[in-house]
N, C-alpha and C. Protein backbone atom coordinates (compact mmCIF):
# COMPACT_ATOMS: atom_id res chain seq x y z
N MET A 1 124.39 -113.33 -39.75
CA MET A 1 125.22 -114.47 -40.13
C MET A 1 125.24 -114.59 -41.65
N ARG A 2 126.46 -114.63 -42.23
CA ARG A 2 126.59 -114.65 -43.68
C ARG A 2 126.39 -116.06 -44.24
N PHE A 3 126.78 -117.07 -43.49
CA PHE A 3 126.59 -118.46 -43.89
C PHE A 3 126.66 -119.33 -42.65
N LEU A 4 126.36 -120.61 -42.81
CA LEU A 4 126.43 -121.56 -41.71
C LEU A 4 127.63 -122.47 -41.94
N TYR A 5 128.34 -122.82 -40.87
CA TYR A 5 129.49 -123.71 -40.97
C TYR A 5 129.07 -125.15 -40.68
N ASP A 6 129.57 -126.06 -41.50
CA ASP A 6 129.45 -127.50 -41.21
C ASP A 6 130.64 -128.18 -41.86
N ILE A 7 131.37 -128.97 -41.08
CA ILE A 7 132.57 -129.63 -41.60
C ILE A 7 132.26 -130.55 -42.78
N ASN A 8 131.00 -131.01 -42.85
CA ASN A 8 130.61 -131.94 -43.92
C ASN A 8 129.96 -131.25 -45.11
N ALA A 9 130.01 -129.93 -45.14
CA ALA A 9 129.44 -129.22 -46.28
C ALA A 9 130.08 -129.72 -47.57
N GLY A 10 129.26 -130.01 -48.54
CA GLY A 10 129.73 -130.63 -49.79
C GLY A 10 129.09 -131.99 -49.99
N ASN A 11 128.65 -132.62 -48.89
CA ASN A 11 127.92 -133.89 -49.01
C ASN A 11 126.56 -133.64 -49.65
N GLU A 12 126.03 -134.66 -50.31
CA GLU A 12 124.73 -134.51 -50.97
C GLU A 12 123.62 -134.21 -49.97
N SER A 13 123.74 -134.76 -48.77
CA SER A 13 122.72 -134.54 -47.74
C SER A 13 123.41 -134.18 -46.42
N LEU A 14 122.81 -133.25 -45.70
CA LEU A 14 123.35 -132.82 -44.41
C LEU A 14 122.23 -132.79 -43.37
N GLU A 15 122.56 -133.22 -42.15
CA GLU A 15 121.64 -133.04 -41.03
C GLU A 15 122.22 -131.96 -40.13
N ILE A 16 121.49 -130.87 -40.00
CA ILE A 16 121.93 -129.75 -39.16
C ILE A 16 121.30 -129.91 -37.79
N LYS A 17 122.12 -129.99 -36.75
CA LYS A 17 121.60 -130.15 -35.39
C LYS A 17 122.44 -129.36 -34.41
N GLY A 18 122.10 -129.46 -33.13
CA GLY A 18 122.87 -128.77 -32.09
C GLY A 18 122.80 -127.26 -32.22
N GLU A 19 123.93 -126.61 -31.94
CA GLU A 19 123.98 -125.15 -31.94
C GLU A 19 123.66 -124.57 -33.32
N SER A 20 124.12 -125.23 -34.37
CA SER A 20 123.83 -124.75 -35.72
C SER A 20 122.33 -124.77 -36.00
N PHE A 21 121.64 -125.82 -35.53
CA PHE A 21 120.20 -125.87 -35.72
C PHE A 21 119.50 -124.78 -34.92
N ASN A 22 120.04 -124.47 -33.74
CA ASN A 22 119.47 -123.38 -32.94
C ASN A 22 119.55 -122.05 -33.68
N HIS A 23 120.65 -121.85 -34.42
CA HIS A 23 120.77 -120.64 -35.24
C HIS A 23 119.68 -120.59 -36.29
N LEU A 24 119.42 -121.73 -36.91
CA LEU A 24 118.37 -121.78 -37.94
C LEU A 24 117.00 -121.48 -37.34
N LYS A 25 116.73 -122.05 -36.16
CA LYS A 25 115.45 -121.78 -35.51
C LYS A 25 115.30 -120.30 -35.17
N ALA A 26 116.41 -119.69 -34.73
CA ALA A 26 116.36 -118.26 -34.40
C ALA A 26 116.05 -117.42 -35.65
N ARG A 27 116.45 -117.92 -36.82
CA ARG A 27 116.18 -117.23 -38.09
C ARG A 27 114.79 -117.57 -38.64
N ARG A 28 114.08 -118.47 -37.94
CA ARG A 28 112.72 -118.87 -38.34
C ARG A 28 112.69 -119.42 -39.77
N VAL A 29 113.65 -120.28 -40.09
CA VAL A 29 113.69 -120.86 -41.43
C VAL A 29 112.48 -121.77 -41.63
N LYS A 30 112.12 -121.95 -42.89
CA LYS A 30 110.94 -122.75 -43.23
C LYS A 30 111.34 -123.89 -44.17
N LEU A 31 110.46 -124.87 -44.24
CA LEU A 31 110.65 -125.99 -45.15
C LEU A 31 110.75 -125.47 -46.58
N GLY A 32 111.75 -125.95 -47.30
CA GLY A 32 111.93 -125.51 -48.67
C GLY A 32 112.87 -124.32 -48.81
N GLU A 33 113.20 -123.69 -47.69
CA GLU A 33 114.12 -122.54 -47.75
C GLU A 33 115.53 -123.02 -48.05
N ARG A 34 116.29 -122.16 -48.73
CA ARG A 34 117.67 -122.50 -49.07
C ARG A 34 118.65 -121.74 -48.19
N ILE A 35 119.70 -122.44 -47.76
CA ILE A 35 120.70 -121.83 -46.88
C ILE A 35 122.10 -122.11 -47.42
N GLU A 36 122.98 -121.15 -47.21
CA GLU A 36 124.37 -121.29 -47.63
C GLU A 36 125.18 -121.92 -46.51
N ILE A 37 125.95 -122.96 -46.83
CA ILE A 37 126.77 -123.66 -45.84
C ILE A 37 128.18 -123.83 -46.40
N ARG A 38 129.17 -123.61 -45.56
CA ARG A 38 130.57 -123.76 -45.97
C ARG A 38 131.33 -124.62 -44.96
N ASN A 39 132.40 -125.27 -45.43
CA ASN A 39 133.23 -126.06 -44.51
C ASN A 39 134.53 -125.35 -44.15
N LEU A 40 134.78 -124.17 -44.72
CA LEU A 40 135.95 -123.33 -44.43
C LEU A 40 137.28 -124.04 -44.70
N GLN A 41 137.24 -125.03 -45.59
CA GLN A 41 138.45 -125.76 -45.93
C GLN A 41 138.73 -125.80 -47.43
N ASP A 42 137.70 -126.05 -48.22
CA ASP A 42 137.93 -126.23 -49.67
C ASP A 42 137.66 -124.98 -50.49
N GLY A 43 137.21 -123.89 -49.85
CA GLY A 43 136.98 -122.64 -50.55
C GLY A 43 135.61 -122.53 -51.20
N TYR A 44 134.81 -123.60 -51.19
CA TYR A 44 133.51 -123.58 -51.85
C TYR A 44 132.39 -123.11 -50.92
N SER A 45 131.35 -122.59 -51.55
CA SER A 45 130.11 -122.25 -50.87
C SER A 45 129.04 -123.20 -51.41
N TYR A 46 128.29 -123.84 -50.50
CA TYR A 46 127.29 -124.83 -50.89
C TYR A 46 125.90 -124.33 -50.54
N LEU A 47 124.99 -124.44 -51.50
CA LEU A 47 123.61 -124.04 -51.26
C LEU A 47 122.77 -125.30 -51.04
N TYR A 48 122.10 -125.33 -49.90
CA TYR A 48 121.26 -126.47 -49.54
C TYR A 48 119.81 -126.04 -49.40
N GLU A 49 118.92 -126.97 -49.70
CA GLU A 49 117.48 -126.75 -49.50
C GLU A 49 117.01 -127.60 -48.32
N ILE A 50 116.23 -126.97 -47.43
CA ILE A 50 115.74 -127.68 -46.25
C ILE A 50 114.59 -128.59 -46.66
N LYS A 51 114.76 -129.90 -46.43
CA LYS A 51 113.77 -130.90 -46.83
C LYS A 51 112.95 -131.40 -45.65
N GLU A 52 113.54 -131.39 -44.44
CA GLU A 52 112.82 -131.85 -43.25
C GLU A 52 113.15 -130.92 -42.09
N LEU A 53 112.15 -130.60 -41.28
CA LEU A 53 112.34 -129.78 -40.09
C LEU A 53 111.67 -130.45 -38.91
N GLY A 54 112.44 -130.66 -37.85
CA GLY A 54 111.91 -131.25 -36.64
C GLY A 54 112.84 -130.88 -35.51
N ARG A 55 113.46 -131.90 -34.92
CA ARG A 55 114.48 -131.63 -33.91
C ARG A 55 115.83 -131.34 -34.55
N SER A 56 115.87 -131.46 -35.85
CA SER A 56 117.04 -131.11 -36.64
C SER A 56 116.52 -130.70 -38.02
N ALA A 57 117.44 -130.30 -38.89
CA ALA A 57 117.06 -129.93 -40.25
C ALA A 57 117.83 -130.82 -41.22
N VAL A 58 117.11 -131.51 -42.09
CA VAL A 58 117.74 -132.33 -43.11
C VAL A 58 117.75 -131.52 -44.41
N CYS A 59 118.93 -131.36 -44.99
CA CYS A 59 119.09 -130.51 -46.16
C CYS A 59 119.71 -131.29 -47.31
N GLU A 60 119.33 -130.92 -48.52
CA GLU A 60 119.89 -131.55 -49.72
C GLU A 60 120.63 -130.50 -50.53
N LEU A 61 121.77 -130.91 -51.09
CA LEU A 61 122.61 -130.00 -51.86
C LEU A 61 121.92 -129.61 -53.17
N VAL A 62 121.92 -128.30 -53.45
CA VAL A 62 121.36 -127.79 -54.69
C VAL A 62 122.48 -127.50 -55.68
N PHE A 63 123.44 -126.69 -55.28
CA PHE A 63 124.63 -126.48 -56.11
C PHE A 63 125.74 -125.89 -55.26
N ARG A 64 126.93 -125.84 -55.83
CA ARG A 64 128.07 -125.25 -55.15
C ARG A 64 128.66 -124.16 -56.04
N SER A 65 129.35 -123.22 -55.40
CA SER A 65 130.01 -122.14 -56.14
C SER A 65 131.35 -121.87 -55.48
N LEU A 66 132.21 -121.20 -56.22
CA LEU A 66 133.54 -120.86 -55.70
C LEU A 66 133.61 -119.34 -55.58
N PRO A 67 133.38 -118.81 -54.36
CA PRO A 67 133.40 -117.36 -54.18
C PRO A 67 134.77 -116.77 -54.52
N LYS A 68 134.76 -115.52 -54.93
CA LYS A 68 136.01 -114.83 -55.21
C LYS A 68 136.85 -114.80 -53.95
N SER A 69 138.09 -115.26 -54.06
CA SER A 69 138.97 -115.34 -52.89
C SER A 69 139.80 -114.08 -52.74
N GLU A 70 139.75 -113.51 -51.54
CA GLU A 70 140.57 -112.34 -51.24
C GLU A 70 141.41 -112.61 -49.99
N GLU A 71 141.83 -113.88 -49.86
CA GLU A 71 142.59 -114.28 -48.69
C GLU A 71 144.00 -113.71 -48.74
N SER A 72 144.48 -113.27 -47.59
CA SER A 72 145.86 -112.77 -47.49
C SER A 72 146.78 -113.90 -47.06
N ASP A 73 148.08 -113.67 -47.15
CA ASP A 73 149.05 -114.65 -46.64
C ASP A 73 149.81 -114.05 -45.46
N PHE A 74 149.20 -113.07 -44.81
CA PHE A 74 149.88 -112.33 -43.73
C PHE A 74 149.93 -113.17 -42.44
N SER A 75 151.13 -113.37 -41.94
CA SER A 75 151.34 -114.08 -40.68
C SER A 75 151.96 -113.13 -39.67
N VAL A 76 151.69 -113.38 -38.41
CA VAL A 76 152.24 -112.54 -37.34
C VAL A 76 152.64 -113.43 -36.18
N VAL A 77 153.70 -113.04 -35.46
CA VAL A 77 154.16 -113.79 -34.30
C VAL A 77 153.66 -113.06 -33.04
N TRP A 78 153.13 -113.83 -32.09
CA TRP A 78 152.55 -113.24 -30.89
C TRP A 78 153.03 -114.02 -29.67
N ALA A 79 153.66 -113.32 -28.73
CA ALA A 79 154.04 -113.96 -27.47
C ALA A 79 152.79 -114.41 -26.73
N VAL A 80 152.85 -115.57 -26.12
CA VAL A 80 151.69 -116.13 -25.43
C VAL A 80 151.27 -115.22 -24.28
N VAL A 81 150.00 -114.87 -24.26
CA VAL A 81 149.40 -114.08 -23.19
C VAL A 81 148.21 -114.86 -22.64
N GLU A 82 147.49 -114.27 -21.72
CA GLU A 82 146.34 -114.96 -21.11
C GLU A 82 145.35 -115.41 -22.19
N PRO A 83 144.88 -116.64 -22.11
CA PRO A 83 143.93 -117.13 -23.10
C PRO A 83 142.71 -116.25 -23.28
N SER A 84 142.22 -115.65 -22.18
CA SER A 84 141.04 -114.78 -22.28
C SER A 84 141.33 -113.57 -23.17
N VAL A 85 142.57 -113.07 -23.12
CA VAL A 85 142.96 -111.94 -23.97
C VAL A 85 143.02 -112.38 -25.43
N ILE A 86 143.59 -113.55 -25.67
CA ILE A 86 143.66 -114.07 -27.03
C ILE A 86 142.26 -114.28 -27.60
N GLU A 87 141.39 -114.88 -26.80
CA GLU A 87 140.04 -115.18 -27.26
C GLU A 87 139.27 -113.92 -27.65
N LYS A 88 139.46 -112.84 -26.89
CA LYS A 88 138.77 -111.59 -27.21
C LYS A 88 139.32 -110.94 -28.48
N THR A 89 140.58 -111.23 -28.79
CA THR A 89 141.26 -110.59 -29.92
C THR A 89 141.11 -111.36 -31.21
N LEU A 90 140.95 -112.67 -31.13
CA LEU A 90 140.91 -113.50 -32.34
C LEU A 90 139.87 -113.06 -33.37
N PRO A 91 138.62 -112.74 -32.97
CA PRO A 91 137.65 -112.33 -33.99
C PRO A 91 138.11 -111.12 -34.79
N SER A 92 138.74 -110.15 -34.15
CA SER A 92 139.23 -108.96 -34.85
C SER A 92 140.32 -109.33 -35.84
N LEU A 93 141.26 -110.17 -35.42
CA LEU A 93 142.35 -110.58 -36.31
C LEU A 93 141.82 -111.41 -37.47
N ASN A 94 140.80 -112.22 -37.19
CA ASN A 94 140.20 -113.03 -38.25
C ASN A 94 139.48 -112.14 -39.27
N GLU A 95 138.75 -111.15 -38.78
CA GLU A 95 138.05 -110.22 -39.67
C GLU A 95 139.04 -109.43 -40.53
N LEU A 96 140.17 -109.08 -39.96
CA LEU A 96 141.17 -108.31 -40.70
C LEU A 96 141.85 -109.15 -41.77
N GLY A 97 141.82 -110.48 -41.63
CA GLY A 97 142.36 -111.34 -42.67
C GLY A 97 143.69 -111.99 -42.38
N VAL A 98 144.11 -112.04 -41.11
CA VAL A 98 145.37 -112.70 -40.76
C VAL A 98 145.31 -114.17 -41.17
N ALA A 99 146.35 -114.64 -41.85
CA ALA A 99 146.37 -116.04 -42.30
C ALA A 99 146.85 -116.98 -41.21
N LYS A 100 147.87 -116.55 -40.44
CA LYS A 100 148.45 -117.43 -39.42
C LYS A 100 148.95 -116.62 -38.24
N ILE A 101 148.73 -117.15 -37.04
CA ILE A 101 149.33 -116.61 -35.82
C ILE A 101 150.32 -117.64 -35.30
N ILE A 102 151.56 -117.19 -35.11
CA ILE A 102 152.61 -118.05 -34.57
C ILE A 102 152.80 -117.67 -33.11
N PHE A 103 152.34 -118.51 -32.21
CA PHE A 103 152.45 -118.24 -30.77
C PHE A 103 153.82 -118.71 -30.26
N VAL A 104 154.42 -117.88 -29.40
CA VAL A 104 155.72 -118.21 -28.82
C VAL A 104 155.69 -117.95 -27.32
N TYR A 105 156.15 -118.92 -26.55
CA TYR A 105 156.31 -118.71 -25.11
C TYR A 105 157.60 -117.93 -24.89
N THR A 106 157.47 -116.70 -24.42
CA THR A 106 158.63 -115.85 -24.17
C THR A 106 158.92 -115.83 -22.67
N GLU A 107 159.97 -115.13 -22.28
CA GLU A 107 160.35 -115.08 -20.86
C GLU A 107 159.29 -114.40 -20.00
N PHE A 108 158.50 -113.50 -20.61
CA PHE A 108 157.45 -112.82 -19.86
C PHE A 108 156.08 -113.45 -20.05
N SER A 109 156.04 -114.61 -20.73
CA SER A 109 154.79 -115.38 -20.81
C SER A 109 154.70 -116.27 -19.57
N GLN A 110 153.47 -116.49 -19.10
CA GLN A 110 153.29 -117.42 -17.99
C GLN A 110 153.40 -118.84 -18.53
N LYS A 111 154.36 -119.58 -18.02
CA LYS A 111 154.67 -120.90 -18.58
C LYS A 111 153.55 -121.93 -18.36
N ASN A 112 152.68 -121.68 -17.38
CA ASN A 112 151.62 -122.65 -17.10
C ASN A 112 150.41 -122.46 -18.00
N ILE A 113 150.44 -121.46 -18.87
CA ILE A 113 149.32 -121.23 -19.77
C ILE A 113 149.29 -122.32 -20.84
N LYS A 114 148.14 -122.92 -21.01
CA LYS A 114 147.95 -123.90 -22.07
C LYS A 114 146.93 -123.34 -23.06
N LEU A 115 147.29 -123.35 -24.32
CA LEU A 115 146.42 -122.79 -25.34
C LEU A 115 145.44 -123.86 -25.84
N ASP A 116 144.17 -123.56 -25.75
CA ASP A 116 143.11 -124.48 -26.18
C ASP A 116 142.79 -124.17 -27.64
N LEU A 117 143.51 -124.81 -28.56
CA LEU A 117 143.35 -124.51 -29.98
C LEU A 117 141.97 -124.90 -30.50
N ALA A 118 141.37 -125.93 -29.92
CA ALA A 118 140.02 -126.32 -30.34
C ALA A 118 139.02 -125.22 -30.01
N ARG A 119 139.17 -124.62 -28.83
CA ARG A 119 138.29 -123.51 -28.45
C ARG A 119 138.55 -122.30 -29.36
N PHE A 120 139.81 -122.02 -29.64
CA PHE A 120 140.14 -120.91 -30.55
C PHE A 120 139.48 -121.13 -31.90
N GLU A 121 139.51 -122.37 -32.39
CA GLU A 121 138.92 -122.67 -33.70
C GLU A 121 137.42 -122.42 -33.69
N ARG A 122 136.75 -122.78 -32.60
CA ARG A 122 135.30 -122.54 -32.52
C ARG A 122 135.00 -121.05 -32.57
N ILE A 123 135.82 -120.26 -31.89
CA ILE A 123 135.65 -118.81 -31.90
C ILE A 123 135.84 -118.27 -33.32
N LEU A 124 136.83 -118.79 -34.02
CA LEU A 124 137.12 -118.32 -35.37
C LEU A 124 136.03 -118.73 -36.36
N ILE A 125 135.48 -119.92 -36.19
CA ILE A 125 134.39 -120.36 -37.06
C ILE A 125 133.20 -119.42 -36.92
N SER A 126 132.86 -119.11 -35.68
CA SER A 126 131.76 -118.16 -35.44
C SER A 126 132.06 -116.81 -36.06
N SER A 127 133.31 -116.36 -35.94
CA SER A 127 133.72 -115.08 -36.54
C SER A 127 133.55 -115.11 -38.05
N SER A 128 134.00 -116.18 -38.69
CA SER A 128 133.90 -116.28 -40.15
C SER A 128 132.45 -116.35 -40.61
N GLU A 129 131.61 -117.05 -39.85
CA GLU A 129 130.18 -117.08 -40.17
C GLU A 129 129.59 -115.68 -40.19
N GLN A 130 130.05 -114.85 -39.25
CA GLN A 130 129.51 -113.49 -39.13
C GLN A 130 130.08 -112.54 -40.17
N CYS A 131 131.39 -112.63 -40.43
CA CYS A 131 132.03 -111.64 -41.30
C CYS A 131 132.12 -112.09 -42.76
N GLY A 132 131.86 -113.37 -43.03
CA GLY A 132 131.87 -113.86 -44.40
C GLY A 132 133.20 -114.38 -44.89
N ARG A 133 134.20 -114.42 -44.03
CA ARG A 133 135.50 -114.96 -44.44
C ARG A 133 135.38 -116.44 -44.77
N ASN A 134 136.06 -116.88 -45.83
CA ASN A 134 135.91 -118.26 -46.30
C ASN A 134 137.01 -119.19 -45.77
N SER A 135 137.60 -118.83 -44.64
CA SER A 135 138.62 -119.65 -44.00
C SER A 135 138.74 -119.17 -42.56
N ILE A 136 139.66 -119.76 -41.82
CA ILE A 136 139.96 -119.27 -40.47
C ILE A 136 141.48 -119.21 -40.30
N ILE A 137 141.91 -118.50 -39.27
CA ILE A 137 143.33 -118.36 -38.98
C ILE A 137 143.94 -119.73 -38.63
N LYS A 138 145.14 -119.97 -39.12
CA LYS A 138 145.90 -121.16 -38.75
C LYS A 138 146.84 -120.81 -37.59
N PHE A 139 147.31 -121.83 -36.86
CA PHE A 139 148.17 -121.61 -35.70
C PHE A 139 149.44 -122.46 -35.75
N GLU A 140 150.50 -121.89 -35.17
CA GLU A 140 151.71 -122.64 -34.84
C GLU A 140 152.10 -122.24 -33.42
N ILE A 141 152.77 -123.14 -32.71
CA ILE A 141 153.20 -122.84 -31.34
C ILE A 141 154.66 -123.24 -31.17
N PHE A 142 155.46 -122.33 -30.57
CA PHE A 142 156.85 -122.62 -30.25
C PHE A 142 157.07 -122.41 -28.75
N LYS A 143 157.90 -123.27 -28.18
CA LYS A 143 158.13 -123.22 -26.73
C LYS A 143 159.07 -122.11 -26.30
N SER A 144 159.81 -121.53 -27.25
CA SER A 144 160.77 -120.49 -26.90
C SER A 144 161.14 -119.68 -28.14
N VAL A 145 161.79 -118.54 -27.91
CA VAL A 145 162.29 -117.72 -29.01
C VAL A 145 163.31 -118.50 -29.82
N ASP A 146 164.17 -119.26 -29.14
CA ASP A 146 165.19 -120.04 -29.86
C ASP A 146 164.55 -121.05 -30.81
N GLU A 147 163.48 -121.69 -30.37
CA GLU A 147 162.77 -122.63 -31.23
C GLU A 147 162.20 -121.92 -32.45
N LEU A 148 161.64 -120.76 -32.23
CA LEU A 148 161.08 -119.97 -33.34
C LEU A 148 162.15 -119.66 -34.38
N LEU A 149 163.32 -119.22 -33.90
CA LEU A 149 164.38 -118.79 -34.81
C LEU A 149 165.06 -119.95 -35.53
N GLU A 150 164.85 -121.16 -35.07
CA GLU A 150 165.35 -122.32 -35.79
C GLU A 150 164.53 -122.56 -37.06
N VAL A 151 163.28 -122.12 -37.05
CA VAL A 151 162.39 -122.35 -38.19
C VAL A 151 162.24 -121.11 -39.06
N TYR A 152 162.12 -119.96 -38.41
CA TYR A 152 161.93 -118.69 -39.14
C TYR A 152 163.14 -117.79 -38.91
N LYS A 153 163.79 -117.40 -39.99
CA LYS A 153 165.02 -116.61 -39.88
C LYS A 153 164.76 -115.10 -39.93
N SER A 154 163.75 -114.70 -40.70
CA SER A 154 163.50 -113.27 -40.88
C SER A 154 162.37 -112.80 -39.96
N VAL A 155 162.74 -112.56 -38.70
CA VAL A 155 161.77 -112.13 -37.69
C VAL A 155 162.25 -110.83 -37.09
N ALA A 156 161.33 -109.88 -36.93
CA ALA A 156 161.67 -108.58 -36.33
C ALA A 156 160.73 -108.29 -35.17
N LEU A 157 161.25 -107.67 -34.14
CA LEU A 157 160.46 -107.34 -32.97
C LEU A 157 159.64 -106.08 -33.20
N VAL A 158 158.46 -106.05 -32.59
CA VAL A 158 157.71 -104.81 -32.46
C VAL A 158 157.93 -104.37 -31.02
N ASP A 159 158.76 -103.33 -30.85
CA ASP A 159 159.25 -102.98 -29.52
C ASP A 159 159.52 -101.47 -29.48
N PHE A 160 159.75 -100.96 -28.29
CA PHE A 160 160.04 -99.53 -28.15
C PHE A 160 161.38 -99.18 -28.81
N GLY A 161 161.42 -98.00 -29.38
CA GLY A 161 162.69 -97.49 -29.89
C GLY A 161 163.12 -98.03 -31.23
N GLY A 162 162.23 -98.71 -31.92
CA GLY A 162 162.60 -99.26 -33.22
C GLY A 162 162.29 -98.32 -34.36
N GLU A 163 162.57 -98.80 -35.56
CA GLU A 163 162.27 -98.02 -36.76
C GLU A 163 160.75 -97.97 -36.98
N SER A 164 160.35 -97.13 -37.93
CA SER A 164 158.94 -97.07 -38.31
C SER A 164 158.55 -98.38 -38.99
N LEU A 165 157.32 -98.83 -38.72
CA LEU A 165 156.83 -100.05 -39.35
C LEU A 165 156.78 -99.94 -40.87
N GLN A 166 156.77 -98.73 -41.39
CA GLN A 166 156.76 -98.54 -42.83
C GLN A 166 158.03 -99.08 -43.49
N ASN A 167 159.08 -99.25 -42.69
CA ASN A 167 160.35 -99.74 -43.23
C ASN A 167 160.46 -101.27 -43.20
N ALA A 168 159.42 -101.94 -42.72
CA ALA A 168 159.46 -103.40 -42.64
C ALA A 168 159.41 -104.00 -44.04
N ASN A 169 160.19 -105.06 -44.25
CA ASN A 169 160.19 -105.76 -45.53
C ASN A 169 159.00 -106.71 -45.62
N ALA A 170 158.56 -106.96 -46.84
CA ALA A 170 157.39 -107.81 -47.05
C ALA A 170 157.58 -109.21 -46.47
N GLY A 171 158.82 -109.71 -46.49
CA GLY A 171 159.07 -111.08 -46.04
C GLY A 171 159.34 -111.21 -44.55
N GLU A 172 159.34 -110.09 -43.81
CA GLU A 172 159.65 -110.14 -42.39
C GLU A 172 158.42 -110.51 -41.56
N LEU A 173 158.63 -111.40 -40.59
CA LEU A 173 157.60 -111.71 -39.62
C LEU A 173 157.72 -110.74 -38.46
N LEU A 174 156.63 -110.11 -38.11
CA LEU A 174 156.64 -109.15 -37.00
C LEU A 174 156.20 -109.85 -35.73
N PHE A 175 156.95 -109.62 -34.66
CA PHE A 175 156.81 -110.34 -33.40
C PHE A 175 156.34 -109.38 -32.32
N VAL A 176 155.11 -109.56 -31.86
CA VAL A 176 154.52 -108.73 -30.80
C VAL A 176 154.70 -109.43 -29.46
N GLY A 177 155.19 -108.71 -28.48
CA GLY A 177 155.51 -109.31 -27.19
C GLY A 177 154.33 -109.45 -26.25
N ALA A 178 154.61 -110.03 -25.09
CA ALA A 178 153.61 -110.16 -24.04
C ALA A 178 153.44 -108.81 -23.34
N GLU A 179 152.66 -108.77 -22.26
CA GLU A 179 152.40 -107.50 -21.58
C GLU A 179 153.68 -106.84 -21.09
N GLY A 180 154.65 -107.62 -20.71
CA GLY A 180 155.91 -107.03 -20.22
C GLY A 180 156.93 -106.77 -21.30
N GLY A 181 156.53 -107.02 -22.56
CA GLY A 181 157.47 -106.82 -23.66
C GLY A 181 158.45 -107.98 -23.79
N PHE A 182 159.69 -107.66 -24.13
CA PHE A 182 160.73 -108.67 -24.30
C PHE A 182 161.84 -108.46 -23.29
N SER A 183 162.49 -109.54 -22.90
CA SER A 183 163.65 -109.43 -22.00
C SER A 183 164.86 -108.95 -22.80
N ASP A 184 165.87 -108.48 -22.10
CA ASP A 184 167.10 -108.02 -22.78
C ASP A 184 167.76 -109.15 -23.55
N SER A 185 167.73 -110.35 -22.98
CA SER A 185 168.37 -111.48 -23.67
C SER A 185 167.62 -111.84 -24.94
N GLU A 186 166.30 -111.69 -24.93
CA GLU A 186 165.51 -111.95 -26.15
C GLU A 186 165.78 -110.88 -27.20
N ARG A 187 165.83 -109.62 -26.78
CA ARG A 187 166.09 -108.53 -27.73
C ARG A 187 167.42 -108.73 -28.45
N ALA A 188 168.39 -109.27 -27.73
CA ALA A 188 169.73 -109.44 -28.31
C ALA A 188 169.75 -110.47 -29.45
N LYS A 189 168.71 -111.27 -29.56
CA LYS A 189 168.68 -112.31 -30.59
C LYS A 189 168.17 -111.78 -31.93
N PHE A 190 167.69 -110.52 -31.96
CA PHE A 190 167.08 -109.98 -33.17
C PHE A 190 167.84 -108.76 -33.67
N GLU A 191 168.05 -108.69 -34.97
CA GLU A 191 168.75 -107.55 -35.56
C GLU A 191 167.81 -106.40 -35.86
N ARG A 192 166.58 -106.72 -36.20
CA ARG A 192 165.63 -105.69 -36.63
C ARG A 192 164.57 -105.46 -35.56
N LYS A 193 164.19 -104.20 -35.40
CA LYS A 193 163.18 -103.84 -34.41
C LYS A 193 162.36 -102.67 -34.94
N PHE A 194 161.04 -102.74 -34.78
CA PHE A 194 160.15 -101.69 -35.23
C PHE A 194 159.25 -101.24 -34.08
N SER A 195 158.75 -100.04 -34.19
CA SER A 195 157.87 -99.53 -33.13
C SER A 195 156.64 -98.88 -33.73
N LEU A 196 155.59 -98.82 -32.95
CA LEU A 196 154.36 -98.14 -33.35
C LEU A 196 154.44 -96.67 -32.94
N LYS A 197 153.81 -95.83 -33.71
CA LYS A 197 153.82 -94.39 -33.41
C LYS A 197 152.74 -94.07 -32.38
N CYS A 198 152.99 -94.46 -31.17
CA CYS A 198 152.04 -94.20 -30.09
C CYS A 198 152.83 -93.86 -28.84
N LYS A 199 152.47 -92.78 -28.19
CA LYS A 199 153.21 -92.34 -27.00
C LYS A 199 152.84 -93.15 -25.77
N ASN A 200 151.70 -93.81 -25.82
CA ASN A 200 151.25 -94.58 -24.66
C ASN A 200 151.73 -96.02 -24.73
N ILE A 201 151.78 -96.68 -23.59
CA ILE A 201 152.13 -98.09 -23.54
C ILE A 201 150.90 -98.90 -23.92
N LEU A 202 151.04 -99.73 -24.94
CA LEU A 202 149.91 -100.51 -25.44
C LEU A 202 149.87 -101.89 -24.81
N ARG A 203 148.67 -102.35 -24.57
CA ARG A 203 148.51 -103.75 -24.18
C ARG A 203 148.87 -104.63 -25.37
N SER A 204 149.21 -105.87 -25.09
CA SER A 204 149.65 -106.78 -26.14
C SER A 204 148.60 -106.93 -27.24
N ASN A 205 147.33 -107.09 -26.86
CA ASN A 205 146.29 -107.28 -27.87
C ASN A 205 146.05 -106.01 -28.68
N THR A 206 146.19 -104.85 -28.06
CA THR A 206 146.06 -103.60 -28.81
C THR A 206 147.20 -103.46 -29.80
N ALA A 207 148.39 -103.85 -29.38
CA ALA A 207 149.56 -103.74 -30.26
C ALA A 207 149.43 -104.65 -31.47
N ILE A 208 148.97 -105.89 -31.28
CA ILE A 208 148.91 -106.80 -32.42
C ILE A 208 147.82 -106.37 -33.40
N ILE A 209 146.71 -105.86 -32.92
CA ILE A 209 145.67 -105.36 -33.82
C ILE A 209 146.19 -104.15 -34.59
N SER A 210 146.95 -103.29 -33.93
CA SER A 210 147.52 -102.11 -34.58
C SER A 210 148.50 -102.51 -35.67
N VAL A 211 149.35 -103.49 -35.37
CA VAL A 211 150.35 -103.95 -36.36
C VAL A 211 149.64 -104.54 -37.58
N VAL A 212 148.70 -105.42 -37.34
CA VAL A 212 147.99 -106.07 -38.44
C VAL A 212 147.24 -105.06 -39.29
N SER A 213 146.62 -104.09 -38.63
CA SER A 213 145.83 -103.09 -39.35
C SER A 213 146.68 -102.28 -40.32
N LYS A 214 147.93 -102.03 -39.94
CA LYS A 214 148.80 -101.25 -40.81
C LYS A 214 149.09 -101.95 -42.13
N PHE A 215 148.98 -103.27 -42.15
CA PHE A 215 149.33 -104.02 -43.35
C PHE A 215 148.12 -104.57 -44.11
N LEU A 216 147.00 -104.70 -43.42
CA LEU A 216 145.85 -105.35 -44.05
C LEU A 216 144.64 -104.44 -44.26
N VAL A 217 144.69 -103.24 -43.75
CA VAL A 217 143.54 -102.34 -43.91
C VAL A 217 143.89 -101.22 -44.88
């Protein structure tokens, strides 16, 4: 773990309890030890000294620093798929540096799926604690392709038979489909289409990791 997350990081005094305190116990921290804590919102890293240890840890702020920021502004559009698939994929996308995921309910998405953004955020916080990222992925949700296109005009599909991804413009949002891809009526709404150089049919989560990797790695 690179640092500990606490939404109140920055306060002069912090009480660490619950799951975060369990992490500290697993690390066998001692009285007087200093730990790095971040809130993943203001960009700062805060160093605290442990002043009390019992059923929780009471810490006092020593100083704060502003780590060098290497955050990307890369956003990607992803058709809604099973939450379990999203949850398994989020840590990888977070580690790669995706700034925002725009979820869209497409014709091949199951309409009864409800996205638990609070749970996604907890997964991302844990990911950032492990990989050292000083933020987490942001989310947007649209109920349909038409809704998406009302807000974002420069969107291109990642689909079979398209151009090489190397030809994508910097300002284009790339849209990865659900397991069944896109319907014919959805394809007709987009002028630009790109494909991955893979002969096999990719699962949705494999496709989105592949797309992101081409631009962020």
